[in-house]
Amino acid sequence: MTKNKWIALGVIALVFLAFFTPGLNNMDTSSNVYTLTSFVIVLFGTFAALFIGNNDQQKSH
């Protein structure tokens, strides 16, 4: 695995552990803003990890 893929894996792990578990697995519906914010952060973190993981620094000719 390249360095970019390790960084992407770290981003996914960090976002999942920090925001997905407490925000989206919370069954309490009293804090909808926190749940929505957690979802948006997980979504952007996933897109950032996909972008980082697919960005190859090596040029193939």
N, C-alpha and C. Protein backbone atom coordinates (compact mmCIF):
# COMPACT_ATOMS: atom_id res chain seq x y z
N MET A 1 0.84 -1.18 0.00
CA MET A 1 0.00 0.00 0.00
C MET A 1 0.88 1.24 0.00
N THR A 2 0.42 2.24 -0.70
CA THR A 2 1.17 3.48 -0.77
C THR A 2 0.89 4.34 0.47
N LYS A 3 1.67 5.38 0.59
CA LYS A 3 1.53 6.29 1.73
C LYS A 3 0.16 6.97 1.73
N ASN A 4 -0.35 7.32 0.55
CA ASN A 4 -1.66 7.97 0.46
C ASN A 4 -2.78 7.06 0.94
N LYS A 5 -2.67 5.78 0.66
CA LYS A 5 -3.71 4.86 1.09
C LYS A 5 -3.68 4.65 2.60
N TRP A 6 -2.51 4.68 3.20
CA TRP A 6 -2.41 4.60 4.66
C TRP A 6 -3.01 5.85 5.32
N ILE A 7 -2.76 7.01 4.72
CA ILE A 7 -3.33 8.25 5.25
C ILE A 7 -4.85 8.22 5.13
N ALA A 8 -5.37 7.74 4.00
CA ALA A 8 -6.81 7.64 3.80
C ALA A 8 -7.43 6.69 4.82
N LEU A 9 -6.76 5.58 5.09
CA LEU A 9 -7.25 4.63 6.07
C LEU A 9 -7.28 5.26 7.46
N GLY A 10 -6.27 6.06 7.77
CA GLY A 10 -6.25 6.77 9.05
C GLY A 10 -7.36 7.79 9.17
N VAL A 11 -7.64 8.50 8.08
CA VAL A 11 -8.73 9.49 8.09
C VAL A 11 -10.06 8.80 8.32
N ILE A 12 -10.29 7.69 7.63
CA ILE A 12 -11.54 6.96 7.80
C ILE A 12 -11.67 6.45 9.24
N ALA A 13 -10.60 5.90 9.79
CA ALA A 13 -10.64 5.39 11.16
C ALA A 13 -10.91 6.51 12.16
N LEU A 14 -10.25 7.64 11.98
CA LEU A 14 -10.43 8.77 12.89
C LEU A 14 -11.86 9.30 12.83
N VAL A 15 -12.36 9.50 11.62
CA VAL A 15 -13.72 10.02 11.46
C VAL A 15 -14.74 9.04 12.02
N PHE A 16 -14.54 7.75 11.75
CA PHE A 16 -15.49 6.76 12.23
C PHE A 16 -15.52 6.70 13.75
N LEU A 17 -14.34 6.66 14.36
CA LEU A 17 -14.29 6.55 15.82
C LEU A 17 -14.72 7.83 16.52
N ALA A 18 -14.42 8.98 15.94
CA ALA A 18 -14.71 10.25 16.61
C ALA A 18 -16.15 10.71 16.41
N PHE A 19 -16.73 10.46 15.23
CA PHE A 19 -18.03 11.04 14.96
C PHE A 19 -19.14 10.04 14.68
N PHE A 20 -18.83 8.94 13.98
CA PHE A 20 -19.90 8.01 13.62
C PHE A 20 -20.47 7.31 14.84
N THR A 21 -19.61 6.78 15.68
CA THR A 21 -20.07 6.00 16.82
C THR A 21 -20.92 6.82 17.78
N PRO A 22 -20.45 7.98 18.27
CA PRO A 22 -21.31 8.71 19.21
C PRO A 22 -22.46 9.46 18.52
N GLY A 23 -22.28 9.87 17.29
CA GLY A 23 -23.30 10.70 16.66
C GLY A 23 -24.40 9.95 15.98
N LEU A 24 -24.07 8.95 15.20
CA LEU A 24 -25.08 8.28 14.40
C LEU A 24 -25.64 7.03 15.06
N ASN A 25 -24.95 6.48 16.03
CA ASN A 25 -25.49 5.34 16.75
C ASN A 25 -26.29 5.75 17.97
N ASN A 26 -26.42 7.04 18.19
CA ASN A 26 -27.17 7.54 19.32
C ASN A 26 -28.66 7.44 19.01
N MET A 27 -29.40 6.71 19.81
CA MET A 27 -30.83 6.52 19.57
C MET A 27 -31.67 7.66 20.14
N ASP A 28 -31.06 8.54 20.89
CA ASP A 28 -31.77 9.68 21.46
C ASP A 28 -32.00 10.71 20.38
N THR A 29 -33.22 11.14 20.18
CA THR A 29 -33.54 12.09 19.11
C THR A 29 -33.63 13.52 19.61
N SER A 30 -33.16 13.78 20.82
CA SER A 30 -33.26 15.14 21.36
C SER A 30 -32.22 16.08 20.77
N SER A 31 -31.13 15.54 20.24
CA SER A 31 -30.07 16.38 19.69
C SER A 31 -29.91 16.12 18.19
N ASN A 32 -30.84 16.65 17.41
CA ASN A 32 -30.80 16.44 15.97
C ASN A 32 -29.66 17.19 15.31
N VAL A 33 -29.27 18.34 15.86
CA VAL A 33 -28.18 19.12 15.28
C VAL A 33 -26.86 18.37 15.41
N TYR A 34 -26.63 17.72 16.54
CA TYR A 34 -25.40 16.94 16.74
C TYR A 34 -25.37 15.75 15.79
N THR A 35 -26.50 15.09 15.61
CA THR A 35 -26.56 13.95 14.69
C THR A 35 -26.32 14.40 13.26
N LEU A 36 -26.93 15.50 12.85
CA LEU A 36 -26.73 16.02 11.50
C LEU A 36 -25.29 16.46 11.28
N THR A 37 -24.70 17.14 12.26
CA THR A 37 -23.31 17.57 12.14
C THR A 37 -22.37 16.37 12.06
N SER A 38 -22.64 15.35 12.85
CA SER A 38 -21.82 14.14 12.79
C SER A 38 -21.92 13.47 11.42
N PHE A 39 -23.13 13.41 10.87
CA PHE A 39 -23.33 12.81 9.56
C PHE A 39 -22.57 13.58 8.48
N VAL A 40 -22.64 14.90 8.52
CA VAL A 40 -21.96 15.73 7.52
C VAL A 40 -20.44 15.56 7.64
N ILE A 41 -19.91 15.52 8.85
CA ILE A 41 -18.47 15.34 9.04
C ILE A 41 -18.03 13.97 8.55
N VAL A 42 -18.81 12.93 8.83
CA VAL A 42 -18.49 11.59 8.33
C VAL A 42 -18.54 11.56 6.81
N LEU A 43 -19.52 12.23 6.23
CA LEU A 43 -19.63 12.27 4.77
C LEU A 43 -18.43 12.98 4.14
N PHE A 44 -18.07 14.15 4.65
CA PHE A 44 -16.91 14.88 4.12
C PHE A 44 -15.60 14.13 4.38
N GLY A 45 -15.50 13.48 5.54
CA GLY A 45 -14.31 12.69 5.83
C GLY A 45 -14.16 11.51 4.88
N THR A 46 -15.28 10.89 4.53
CA THR A 46 -15.25 9.78 3.58
C THR A 46 -14.82 10.26 2.21
N PHE A 47 -15.38 11.38 1.75
CA PHE A 47 -14.98 11.92 0.45
C PHE A 47 -13.51 12.34 0.44
N ALA A 48 -13.04 12.92 1.54
CA ALA A 48 -11.64 13.32 1.62
C ALA A 48 -10.73 12.09 1.59
N ALA A 49 -11.12 11.03 2.27
CA ALA A 49 -10.31 9.81 2.26
C ALA A 49 -10.30 9.18 0.87
N LEU A 50 -11.42 9.19 0.18
CA LEU A 50 -11.45 8.67 -1.18
C LEU A 50 -10.55 9.49 -2.10
N PHE A 51 -10.59 10.80 -1.96
CA PHE A 51 -9.75 11.66 -2.77
C PHE A 51 -8.27 11.44 -2.48
N ILE A 52 -7.93 11.34 -1.20
CA ILE A 52 -6.53 11.12 -0.82
C ILE A 52 -6.06 9.75 -1.27
N GLY A 53 -6.88 8.73 -1.09
CA GLY A 53 -6.49 7.38 -1.44
C GLY A 53 -6.33 7.15 -2.94
N ASN A 54 -7.11 7.88 -3.73
CA ASN A 54 -7.04 7.70 -5.19
C ASN A 54 -6.06 8.66 -5.86
N ASN A 55 -5.49 9.55 -5.11
CA ASN A 55 -4.55 10.53 -5.66
C ASN A 55 -3.17 9.89 -5.71
N ASP A 56 -2.75 9.46 -6.88
CA ASP A 56 -1.44 8.82 -7.03
C ASP A 56 -0.38 9.86 -7.35
N GLN A 57 0.70 9.80 -6.62
CA GLN A 57 1.81 10.72 -6.85
C GLN A 57 2.75 10.20 -7.92
N GLN A 58 2.61 8.92 -8.23
CA GLN A 58 3.50 8.32 -9.22
C GLN A 58 2.92 8.51 -10.61
N LYS A 59 3.79 8.90 -11.54
CA LYS A 59 3.37 9.06 -12.92
C LYS A 59 3.74 7.81 -13.69
N SER A 60 2.77 7.24 -14.35
CA SER A 60 3.06 6.07 -15.17
C SER A 60 3.04 6.47 -16.63
N HIS A 61 4.06 6.03 -17.35
CA HIS A 61 4.17 6.38 -18.77
C HIS A 61 3.97 5.15 -19.60
